[in-house]
């Protein structure tokens, strides 16, 4: 989802503004989550198989790193790992293009905040770090765009850089790999879903070398882990 930091990003604004503007609205999440879990998803999809829920950390900062196969992914991840399961709300990095109109209004209140896909603005980076230092769960789709096959495509290094920045403050942040697969490339009525949650990556294994080298190594290891999950 991210490439090098840029001060001229379209989404560049003071980090404090992010905190004020992009707040979760509990009054909206409270009815929508049960509605989606017990009505929308069961009526639209076929079987929904979720494995590895016992690996979801119940406390502390977590970066959830799912593969990206459909616009349904954010809803699926929220219901598989969010407040109805872990008791925790999820925050999402979202393409700036998806923050427009009614959809943008809704996404903003459900935990999303914008990022420019061409340049990760300094404000988006700092706000991500801030959320994690506060012990939040942050969802970043490391492939960036949506891919309709089961292969794991090249990952952007922004996720690793955010994680290492938090870790440098002696805060233990977990990276949780998640594989999402649908029985059809373009999910329609009756499509089956399989979501597999892997074991968290240990950032203590990436404590030596330059920041660039560590980010590259972490990104490569995350891709390998996601690839193994996707083959299950």
C-alpha atoms as a PDB file:
ATOM      1  CA  UNK A   1       0.000   0.000   0.000  1.00  0.00           C
ATOM      2  CA  UNK A   2       2.923   2.307   0.549  1.00  0.00           C
ATOM      3  CA  UNK A   3       6.182   3.465  -0.933  1.00  0.00           C
ATOM      4  CA  UNK A   4       8.700   6.119   0.201  1.00  0.00           C
ATOM      5  CA  UNK A   5       7.601   8.959   2.432  1.00  0.00           C
ATOM      6  CA  UNK A   6       6.780  12.241   0.778  1.00  0.00           C
ATOM      7  CA  UNK A   7       6.029  15.591   2.345  1.00  0.00           C
ATOM      8  CA  UNK A   8       3.923  16.639  -0.638  1.00  0.00           C
ATOM      9  CA  UNK A   9       1.375  13.836  -0.288  1.00  0.00           C
ATOM     10  CA  UNK A  10      -2.247  14.657  -1.081  1.00  0.00           C
ATOM     11  CA  UNK A  11      -3.139  13.383   2.369  1.00  0.00           C
ATOM     12  CA  UNK A  12      -0.482  15.399   4.175  1.00  0.00           C
ATOM     13  CA  UNK A  13      -1.998  17.158   7.171  1.00  0.00           C
ATOM     14  CA  UNK A  14      -0.956  17.640  10.784  1.00  0.00           C
ATOM     15  CA  UNK A  15      -1.019  14.368  12.718  1.00  0.00           C
ATOM     16  CA  UNK A  16      -3.221  15.981  15.369  1.00  0.00           C
ATOM     17  CA  UNK A  17      -5.853  16.559  12.675  1.00  0.00           C
ATOM     18  CA  UNK A  18      -5.903  12.847  11.913  1.00  0.00           C
ATOM     19  CA  UNK A  19      -6.698  12.123  15.568  1.00  0.00           C
ATOM     20  CA  UNK A  20      -9.540  14.635  15.542  1.00  0.00           C
ATOM     21  CA  UNK A  21     -11.011  13.752  12.149  1.00  0.00           C
ATOM     22  CA  UNK A  22     -10.620   9.990  11.903  1.00  0.00           C
ATOM     23  CA  UNK A  23     -12.309   8.749  15.048  1.00  0.00           C
ATOM     24  CA  UNK A  24     -14.241   5.522  15.375  1.00  0.00           C
ATOM     25  CA  UNK A  25     -17.948   6.000  16.042  1.00  0.00           C
ATOM     26  CA  UNK A  26     -19.074   3.328  18.558  1.00  0.00           C
ATOM     27  CA  UNK A  27     -22.722   4.207  17.967  1.00  0.00           C
ATOM     28  CA  UNK A  28     -22.323   3.152  14.316  1.00  0.00           C
ATOM     29  CA  UNK A  29     -20.176   0.059  14.867  1.00  0.00           C
ATOM     30  CA  UNK A  30     -22.459  -1.328  17.598  1.00  0.00           C
ATOM     31  CA  UNK A  31     -25.400  -2.133  15.247  1.00  0.00           C
ATOM     32  CA  UNK A  32     -23.451  -2.634  11.994  1.00  0.00           C
ATOM     33  CA  UNK A  33     -21.109  -5.405  13.174  1.00  0.00           C
ATOM     34  CA  UNK A  34     -23.877  -7.782  14.364  1.00  0.00           C
ATOM     35  CA  UNK A  35     -25.944  -6.920  11.272  1.00  0.00           C
ATOM     36  CA  UNK A  36     -23.065  -7.857   8.975  1.00  0.00           C
ATOM     37  CA  UNK A  37     -22.115 -10.985  10.945  1.00  0.00           C
ATOM     38  CA  UNK A  38     -25.569 -12.487  11.375  1.00  0.00           C
ATOM     39  CA  UNK A  39     -27.398 -11.194   8.280  1.00  0.00           C
ATOM     40  CA  UNK A  40     -25.312  -9.743   5.448  1.00  0.00           C
ATOM     41  CA  UNK A  41     -22.443 -12.248   5.228  1.00  0.00           C
ATOM     42  CA  UNK A  42     -24.426 -15.465   5.899  1.00  0.00           C
ATOM     43  CA  UNK A  43     -27.053 -14.477   3.327  1.00  0.00           C
ATOM     44  CA  UNK A  44     -24.596 -13.407   0.631  1.00  0.00           C
ATOM     45  CA  UNK A  45     -21.720 -15.865   0.979  1.00  0.00           C
ATOM     46  CA  UNK A  46     -21.539 -19.643   1.152  1.00  0.00           C
ATOM     47  CA  UNK A  47     -19.314 -21.206   3.797  1.00  0.00           C
ATOM     48  CA  UNK A  48     -17.054 -18.893   5.819  1.00  0.00           C
ATOM     49  CA  UNK A  49     -14.071 -20.710   7.307  1.00  0.00           C
ATOM     50  CA  UNK A  50     -11.791 -18.892   9.760  1.00  0.00           C
ATOM     51  CA  UNK A  51      -8.762 -20.543  11.356  1.00  0.00           C
ATOM     52  CA  UNK A  52      -6.147 -19.280  13.802  1.00  0.00           C
ATOM     53  CA  UNK A  53      -8.261 -16.991  15.953  1.00  0.00           C
ATOM     54  CA  UNK A  54      -6.352 -18.161  19.006  1.00  0.00           C
ATOM     55  CA  UNK A  55      -3.307 -16.346  17.591  1.00  0.00           C
ATOM     56  CA  UNK A  56      -4.933 -12.893  17.794  1.00  0.00           C
ATOM     57  CA  UNK A  57      -3.193 -10.840  20.523  1.00  0.00           C
ATOM     58  CA  UNK A  58      -5.685  -9.571  23.092  1.00  0.00           C
ATOM     59  CA  UNK A  59      -3.479  -6.669  24.194  1.00  0.00           C
ATOM     60  CA  UNK A  60      -0.733  -4.467  22.814  1.00  0.00           C
ATOM     61  CA  UNK A  61      -0.104  -2.974  19.376  1.00  0.00           C
ATOM     62  CA  UNK A  62      -0.784  -5.214  16.388  1.00  0.00           C
ATOM     63  CA  UNK A  63      -0.364  -4.715  12.659  1.00  0.00           C
ATOM     64  CA  UNK A  64      -2.750  -7.010  10.806  1.00  0.00           C
ATOM     65  CA  UNK A  65      -1.295  -7.774   7.370  1.00  0.00           C
ATOM     66  CA  UNK A  66      -3.868  -9.472   5.111  1.00  0.00           C
ATOM     67  CA  UNK A  67      -3.658 -10.412   1.468  1.00  0.00           C
ATOM     68  CA  UNK A  68      -6.021  -8.295  -0.629  1.00  0.00           C
ATOM     69  CA  UNK A  69      -8.472 -10.096  -2.912  1.00  0.00           C
ATOM     70  CA  UNK A  70     -11.719  -8.139  -2.830  1.00  0.00           C
ATOM     71  CA  UNK A  71     -13.419  -5.006  -1.510  1.00  0.00           C
ATOM     72  CA  UNK A  72     -15.112  -7.354   0.945  1.00  0.00           C
ATOM     73  CA  UNK A  73     -11.763  -7.944   2.691  1.00  0.00           C
ATOM     74  CA  UNK A  74     -12.037  -5.114   5.217  1.00  0.00           C
ATOM     75  CA  UNK A  75     -15.476  -6.313   6.351  1.00  0.00           C
ATOM     76  CA  UNK A  76     -14.314  -9.924   6.549  1.00  0.00           C
ATOM     77  CA  UNK A  77     -11.228  -8.988   8.603  1.00  0.00           C
ATOM     78  CA  UNK A  78     -13.277  -6.781  10.932  1.00  0.00           C
ATOM     79  CA  UNK A  79     -15.744  -9.554  11.700  1.00  0.00           C
ATOM     80  CA  UNK A  80     -13.048 -12.229  11.976  1.00  0.00           C
ATOM     81  CA  UNK A  81     -10.742 -10.253  14.270  1.00  0.00           C
ATOM     82  CA  UNK A  82     -12.517  -7.116  15.490  1.00  0.00           C
ATOM     83  CA  UNK A  83     -14.600  -6.264  18.547  1.00  0.00           C
ATOM     84  CA  UNK A  84     -17.003  -9.211  18.271  1.00  0.00           C
ATOM     85  CA  UNK A  85     -14.033 -11.603  18.544  1.00  0.00           C
ATOM     86  CA  UNK A  86     -11.147  -9.817  20.261  1.00  0.00           C
ATOM     87  CA  UNK A  87     -13.056  -7.029  21.980  1.00  0.00           C
ATOM     88  CA  UNK A  88     -10.881  -4.549  20.083  1.00  0.00           C
ATOM     89  CA  UNK A  89     -11.671  -2.117  17.280  1.00  0.00           C
ATOM     90  CA  UNK A  90      -9.564  -2.130  14.129  1.00  0.00           C
ATOM     91  CA  UNK A  91      -8.063   0.854  12.364  1.00  0.00           C
ATOM     92  CA  UNK A  92      -7.490   0.749   8.600  1.00  0.00           C
ATOM     93  CA  UNK A  93      -5.161   2.419   6.134  1.00  0.00           C
ATOM     94  CA  UNK A  94      -7.435   3.168   3.176  1.00  0.00           C
ATOM     95  CA  UNK A  95      -6.777   4.492  -0.325  1.00  0.00           C
ATOM     96  CA  UNK A  96      -7.538   8.208  -0.456  1.00  0.00           C
ATOM     97  CA  UNK A  97      -9.870   7.514  -3.397  1.00  0.00           C
ATOM     98  CA  UNK A  98     -12.107   5.427  -1.133  1.00  0.00           C
ATOM     99  CA  UNK A  99     -12.630   8.292   1.310  1.00  0.00           C
ATOM    100  CA  UNK A 100     -15.098  10.175  -0.879  1.00  0.00           C
ATOM    101  CA  UNK A 101     -18.858  10.614  -0.645  1.00  0.00           C
ATOM    102  CA  UNK A 102     -21.045   8.433   1.558  1.00  0.00           C
ATOM    103  CA  UNK A 103     -18.516   5.593   1.425  1.00  0.00           C
ATOM    104  CA  UNK A 104     -15.837   7.904   2.792  1.00  0.00           C
ATOM    105  CA  UNK A 105     -18.172   9.123   5.522  1.00  0.00           C
ATOM    106  CA  UNK A 106     -18.833   5.519   6.549  1.00  0.00           C
ATOM    107  CA  UNK A 107     -15.225   4.298   6.307  1.00  0.00           C
ATOM    108  CA  UNK A 108     -13.997   7.216   8.406  1.00  0.00           C
ATOM    109  CA  UNK A 109     -16.390   6.351  11.233  1.00  0.00           C
ATOM    110  CA  UNK A 110     -15.551   2.652  11.081  1.00  0.00           C
ATOM    111  CA  UNK A 111     -11.839   3.187  11.686  1.00  0.00           C
ATOM    112  CA  UNK A 112     -10.378   4.115   8.308  1.00  0.00           C
ATOM    113  CA  UNK A 113      -7.982   6.939   7.474  1.00  0.00           C
ATOM    114  CA  UNK A 114      -6.543   7.861   4.069  1.00  0.00           C
ATOM    115  CA  UNK A 115      -3.188   7.167   2.498  1.00  0.00           C
ATOM    116  CA  UNK A 116      -1.945   8.229  -0.931  1.00  0.00           C
ATOM    117  CA  UNK A 117      -1.061   5.049  -2.830  1.00  0.00           C
ATOM    118  CA  UNK A 118       1.725   6.840  -4.701  1.00  0.00           C
ATOM    119  CA  UNK A 119       3.421   8.403  -1.662  1.00  0.00           C
ATOM    120  CA  UNK A 120       3.070   7.586   2.009  1.00  0.00           C
ATOM    121  CA  UNK A 121       2.697  11.059   3.477  1.00  0.00           C
ATOM    122  CA  UNK A 122       4.574  11.866   6.657  1.00  0.00           C
ATOM    123  CA  UNK A 123       1.281  12.508   8.481  1.00  0.00           C
ATOM    124  CA  UNK A 124      -0.097   9.073   7.545  1.00  0.00           C
ATOM    125  CA  UNK A 125       3.146   7.471   8.694  1.00  0.00           C
ATOM    126  CA  UNK A 126       3.205   9.351  12.007  1.00  0.00           C
ATOM    127  CA  UNK A 127      -0.471   8.698  12.669  1.00  0.00           C
ATOM    128  CA  UNK A 128       0.047   4.965  12.072  1.00  0.00           C
ATOM    129  CA  UNK A 129       2.946   4.967  14.533  1.00  0.00           C
ATOM    130  CA  UNK A 130       0.864   6.962  17.013  1.00  0.00           C
ATOM    131  CA  UNK A 131      -2.026   4.478  16.856  1.00  0.00           C
ATOM    132  CA  UNK A 132       0.326   1.579  17.480  1.00  0.00           C
ATOM    133  CA  UNK A 133       2.130   3.266  20.371  1.00  0.00           C
ATOM    134  CA  UNK A 134      -1.322   3.657  21.916  1.00  0.00           C
ATOM    135  CA  UNK A 135      -1.814  -0.107  21.681  1.00  0.00           C
ATOM    136  CA  UNK A 136      -4.236  -0.128  18.736  1.00  0.00           C
ATOM    137  CA  UNK A 137      -4.764  -2.792  16.057  1.00  0.00           C
ATOM    138  CA  UNK A 138      -3.943  -1.410  12.611  1.00  0.00           C
ATOM    139  CA  UNK A 139      -4.841  -3.145   9.336  1.00  0.00           C
ATOM    140  CA  UNK A 140      -2.479  -2.564   6.398  1.00  0.00           C
ATOM    141  CA  UNK A 141      -2.877  -4.470   3.132  1.00  0.00           C
ATOM    142  CA  UNK A 142       0.818  -4.808   2.234  1.00  0.00           C
ATOM    143  CA  UNK A 143       0.237  -5.762  -1.412  1.00  0.00           C
ATOM    144  CA  UNK A 144      -1.335  -2.367  -1.986  1.00  0.00           C
ATOM    145  CA  UNK A 145      -3.949  -3.161  -4.612  1.00  0.00           C
ATOM    146  CA  UNK A 146      -6.453  -5.962  -5.076  1.00  0.00           C
ATOM    147  CA  UNK A 147      -5.240  -9.137  -6.804  1.00  0.00           C
ATOM    148  CA  UNK A 148      -7.663 -11.809  -7.962  1.00  0.00           C
ATOM    149  CA  UNK A 149      -5.360 -14.850  -7.837  1.00  0.00           C
ATOM    150  CA  UNK A 150      -3.989 -16.856  -4.911  1.00  0.00           C
ATOM    151  CA  UNK A 151      -0.373 -15.748  -5.424  1.00  0.00           C
ATOM    152  CA  UNK A 152       1.110 -13.260  -2.960  1.00  0.00           C
ATOM    153  CA  UNK A 153       2.405 -10.285  -4.920  1.00  0.00           C
ATOM    154  CA  UNK A 154       5.248  -7.887  -4.102  1.00  0.00           C
ATOM    155  CA  UNK A 155       4.761  -6.176  -0.754  1.00  0.00           C
ATOM    156  CA  UNK A 156       5.376  -2.495  -0.068  1.00  0.00           C
ATOM    157  CA  UNK A 157       7.965  -1.781   2.612  1.00  0.00           C
ATOM    158  CA  UNK A 158       5.864   0.854   4.380  1.00  0.00           C
ATOM    159  CA  UNK A 159       4.375  -1.686   6.776  1.00  0.00           C
ATOM    160  CA  UNK A 160       7.823  -2.853   7.873  1.00  0.00           C
ATOM    161  CA  UNK A 161       9.054   0.712   8.316  1.00  0.00           C
ATOM    162  CA  UNK A 162       6.085   1.589  10.508  1.00  0.00           C
ATOM    163  CA  UNK A 163       6.574  -1.551  12.602  1.00  0.00           C
ATOM    164  CA  UNK A 164      10.311  -0.949  13.039  1.00  0.00           C
ATOM    165  CA  UNK A 165       9.678   2.681  13.995  1.00  0.00           C
ATOM    166  CA  UNK A 166       7.360   1.538  16.797  1.00  0.00           C
ATOM    167  CA  UNK A 167       9.806  -1.181  17.847  1.00  0.00           C
ATOM    168  CA  UNK A 168      12.605   1.410  18.066  1.00  0.00           C
ATOM    169  CA  UNK A 169      10.636   3.004  20.927  1.00  0.00           C
ATOM    170  CA  UNK A 170      10.997  -0.282  22.835  1.00  0.00           C
ATOM    171  CA  UNK A 171       7.345  -1.103  22.252  1.00  0.00           C
ATOM    172  CA  UNK A 172       6.648  -4.716  21.358  1.00  0.00           C
ATOM    173  CA  UNK A 173       4.492  -4.587  18.231  1.00  0.00           C
ATOM    174  CA  UNK A 174       3.169  -7.766  16.621  1.00  0.00           C
ATOM    175  CA  UNK A 175       2.705  -8.327  12.879  1.00  0.00           C
ATOM    176  CA  UNK A 176      -0.110 -10.764  12.232  1.00  0.00           C
ATOM    177  CA  UNK A 177      -0.154 -12.315   8.719  1.00  0.00           C
ATOM    178  CA  UNK A 178      -3.599 -13.129   7.343  1.00  0.00           C
ATOM    179  CA  UNK A 179      -4.478 -14.980   4.152  1.00  0.00           C
ATOM    180  CA  UNK A 180      -7.876 -14.330   2.559  1.00  0.00           C
ATOM    181  CA  UNK A 181      -9.117 -16.499  -0.312  1.00  0.00           C
ATOM    182  CA  UNK A 182     -12.448 -16.714  -2.118  1.00  0.00           C
ATOM    183  CA  UNK A 183     -13.729 -19.640  -4.170  1.00  0.00           C
ATOM    184  CA  UNK A 184     -14.266 -17.221  -7.067  1.00  0.00           C
ATOM    185  CA  UNK A 185     -11.926 -14.433  -8.277  1.00  0.00           C
ATOM    186  CA  UNK A 186     -14.841 -11.957  -8.178  1.00  0.00           C
ATOM    187  CA  UNK A 187     -16.965 -12.881  -5.135  1.00  0.00           C
ATOM    188  CA  UNK A 188     -20.655 -13.205  -5.928  1.00  0.00           C
ATOM    189  CA  UNK A 189     -23.641 -14.759  -4.171  1.00  0.00           C
ATOM    190  CA  UNK A 190     -22.715 -18.144  -2.690  1.00  0.00           C
ATOM    191  CA  UNK A 191     -18.936 -17.644  -2.834  1.00  0.00           C
ATOM    192  CA  UNK A 192     -17.003 -19.509  -0.126  1.00  0.00           C
ATOM    193  CA  UNK A 193     -14.437 -17.678   2.032  1.00  0.00           C
ATOM    194  CA  UNK A 194     -11.346 -19.042   3.711  1.00  0.00           C
ATOM    195  CA  UNK A 195      -9.418 -16.790   6.132  1.00  0.00           C
ATOM    196  CA  UNK A 196      -6.277 -18.140   7.816  1.00  0.00           C
ATOM    197  CA  UNK A 197      -4.508 -16.256  10.608  1.00  0.00           C
ATOM    198  CA  UNK A 198      -0.817 -17.021  10.990  1.00  0.00           C
ATOM    199  CA  UNK A 199       1.523 -16.733  13.961  1.00  0.00           C
ATOM    200  CA  UNK A 200       2.794 -13.204  14.722  1.00  0.00           C
ATOM    201  CA  UNK A 201       6.209 -12.252  13.389  1.00  0.00           C
ATOM    202  CA  UNK A 202       8.754 -11.492  16.103  1.00  0.00           C
ATOM    203  CA  UNK A 203      10.335  -8.088  15.467  1.00  0.00           C
ATOM    204  CA  UNK A 204      13.168  -8.882  17.844  1.00  0.00           C
ATOM    205  CA  UNK A 205      14.590 -10.947  14.978  1.00  0.00           C
ATOM    206  CA  UNK A 206      15.155  -7.725  13.002  1.00  0.00           C
ATOM    207  CA  UNK A 207      17.310  -5.739  15.407  1.00  0.00           C
ATOM    208  CA  UNK A 208      20.613  -5.611  13.506  1.00  0.00           C
ATOM    209  CA  UNK A 209      21.685  -3.845  10.341  1.00  0.00           C
ATOM    210  CA  UNK A 210      20.553  -0.619   8.730  1.00  0.00           C
ATOM    211  CA  UNK A 211      16.923   0.424   8.800  1.00  0.00           C
ATOM    212  CA  UNK A 212      16.634  -0.176   5.066  1.00  0.00           C
ATOM    213  CA  UNK A 213      18.101  -3.667   5.354  1.00  0.00           C
ATOM    214  CA  UNK A 214      15.834  -4.604   8.268  1.00  0.00           C
ATOM    215  CA  UNK A 215      12.738  -3.330   6.470  1.00  0.00           C
ATOM    216  CA  UNK A 216      13.640  -5.303   3.355  1.00  0.00           C
ATOM    217  CA  UNK A 217      14.275  -8.485   5.349  1.00  0.00           C
ATOM    218  CA  UNK A 218      11.046  -8.126   7.337  1.00  0.00           C
ATOM    219  CA  UNK A 219       9.052  -7.482   4.152  1.00  0.00           C
ATOM    220  CA  UNK A 220      10.556 -10.560   2.514  1.00  0.00           C
ATOM    221  CA  UNK A 221       9.799 -12.772   5.503  1.00  0.00           C
ATOM    222  CA  UNK A 222       6.223 -11.476   5.669  1.00  0.00           C
ATOM    223  CA  UNK A 223       5.743 -12.344   1.999  1.00  0.00           C
ATOM    224  CA  UNK A 224       7.054 -15.877   2.580  1.00  0.00           C
ATOM    225  CA  UNK A 225       4.705 -16.330   5.539  1.00  0.00           C
ATOM    226  CA  UNK A 226       1.691 -15.063   3.584  1.00  0.00           C
ATOM    227  CA  UNK A 227       2.609 -17.328   0.668  1.00  0.00           C
ATOM    228  CA  UNK A 228       2.634 -20.390   2.937  1.00  0.00           C
ATOM    229  CA  UNK A 229      -0.706 -19.408   4.468  1.00  0.00           C
ATOM    230  CA  UNK A 230      -2.245 -18.903   1.036  1.00  0.00           C
ATOM    231  CA  UNK A 231      -1.299 -22.454   0.018  1.00  0.00           C
ATOM    232  CA  UNK A 232      -3.135 -24.077   2.935  1.00  0.00           C
END
